[in-house]
Amino acid sequence: MKKYIEFGFGNTWLLRTEFEQDDGMEYEVKGIVGKVSPKSIYLRVWLGHRVCIFDSKEGFKKQRKDRRALKFIFGITSEV
C-alpha cells in the first residue's frame, strides 16, 4: 500500500494523507496519519485538464485528465 502526504491548494483539506491500496482503491484522511517513510517528494500543478508533476524519483511527467481542476500540491510518497 502506498501513502501520499500532500499539502496545498485544491484538495479537500489543506493537509491530507491519501492511501492507495494494491487493488487501486483510494481513500483520504485529514492531516498526517502514521509513520512517514519518504520514498520521493513531488510537486503537482494541475491547470484545467493538464497536470505537470515534478518528482524526485521519476522526474518530470505531463498528463491530461478528463475533469478540470486547479491544484498546487507539494507531496511526499511513502510506504505503509
Protein backbone atom coordinates (compact mmCIF):
# COMPACT_ATOMS: atom_id res chain seq x y z
CA MET A 1 0.00 0.00 0.00
CA LYS A 2 1.27 3.46 -0.89
CA LYS A 3 0.76 6.56 1.20
CA TYR A 4 0.82 10.15 -0.08
CA ILE A 5 1.12 13.07 2.33
CA GLU A 6 0.00 16.20 0.49
CA PHE A 7 -0.04 19.89 1.35
CA GLY A 8 -1.51 22.54 -0.89
CA PHE A 9 -4.42 24.22 -2.59
CA GLY A 10 -7.07 22.22 -4.45
CA ASN A 11 -7.61 19.09 -2.36
CA THR A 12 -10.41 18.50 0.15
CA TRP A 13 -8.11 19.58 3.00
CA LEU A 14 -5.00 21.76 3.05
CA LEU A 15 -3.05 18.85 4.60
CA ARG A 16 -4.12 15.27 3.93
CA THR A 17 -2.90 11.69 3.77
CA GLU A 18 -4.09 9.57 0.85
CA PHE A 19 -3.82 5.79 0.91
CA GLU A 20 -3.69 3.78 -2.33
CA GLN A 21 -4.25 0.06 -1.92
CA ASP A 22 -2.67 -2.54 -4.20
CA ASP A 23 -6.01 -3.08 -5.99
CA GLY A 24 -6.21 0.65 -6.89
CA MET A 25 -8.76 1.60 -4.22
CA GLU A 26 -8.01 5.01 -2.66
CA TYR A 27 -9.15 6.86 0.44
CA GLU A 28 -8.00 10.00 2.22
CA VAL A 29 -7.96 11.36 5.75
CA LYS A 30 -7.33 14.83 7.14
CA GLY A 31 -3.82 15.56 8.43
CA ILE A 32 -0.78 13.30 8.61
CA VAL A 33 -1.54 9.75 9.69
CA GLY A 34 1.06 7.23 10.85
CA LYS A 35 4.78 6.99 10.33
CA VAL A 36 6.31 8.68 7.28
CA SER A 37 8.97 6.74 5.35
CA PRO A 38 9.76 9.05 2.40
CA LYS A 39 10.43 7.40 -0.96
CA SER A 40 10.18 10.58 -3.07
CA ILE A 41 8.90 14.15 -2.98
CA TYR A 42 6.87 15.82 -5.70
CA LEU A 43 5.20 19.00 -6.84
CA ARG A 44 1.95 18.63 -8.79
CA VAL A 45 0.46 21.55 -10.70
CA TRP A 46 -2.98 20.95 -12.18
CA LEU A 47 -4.31 23.67 -14.51
CA GLY A 48 -7.53 22.85 -16.33
CA HIS A 49 -7.14 19.44 -17.97
CA ARG A 50 -3.32 19.40 -17.79
CA VAL A 51 -1.25 18.07 -14.90
CA CYS A 52 2.52 18.60 -14.55
CA ILE A 53 4.36 16.52 -11.97
CA PHE A 54 7.94 17.13 -10.86
CA ASP A 55 9.01 14.02 -8.91
CA SER A 56 12.41 13.47 -7.25
CA LYS A 57 12.35 9.76 -8.17
CA GLU A 58 10.51 9.63 -11.52
CA GLY A 59 11.44 13.05 -12.95
CA PHE A 60 9.05 15.25 -14.94
CA LYS A 61 5.70 13.95 -16.22
CA LYS A 62 2.77 15.57 -18.02
CA GLN A 63 -0.73 14.10 -18.03
CA ARG A 64 -4.12 15.02 -19.40
CA LYS A 65 -7.21 14.45 -17.23
CA ASP A 66 -10.88 14.31 -18.18
CA ARG A 67 -12.02 16.68 -15.45
CA ARG A 68 -10.91 20.28 -14.98
CA ALA A 69 -9.25 21.43 -11.75
CA LEU A 70 -6.88 23.98 -10.28
CA LYS A 71 -4.39 22.48 -7.81
CA PHE A 72 -0.93 23.28 -6.46
CA ILE A 73 0.26 20.36 -4.32
CA PHE A 74 3.54 19.52 -2.56
CA GLY A 75 3.68 15.85 -1.60
CA ILE A 76 5.70 13.03 -0.10
CA THR A 77 5.37 9.46 -1.37
CA SER A 78 5.67 6.91 1.43
CA GLU A 79 5.01 3.23 2.11
CA VAL A 80 2.76 1.84 4.82
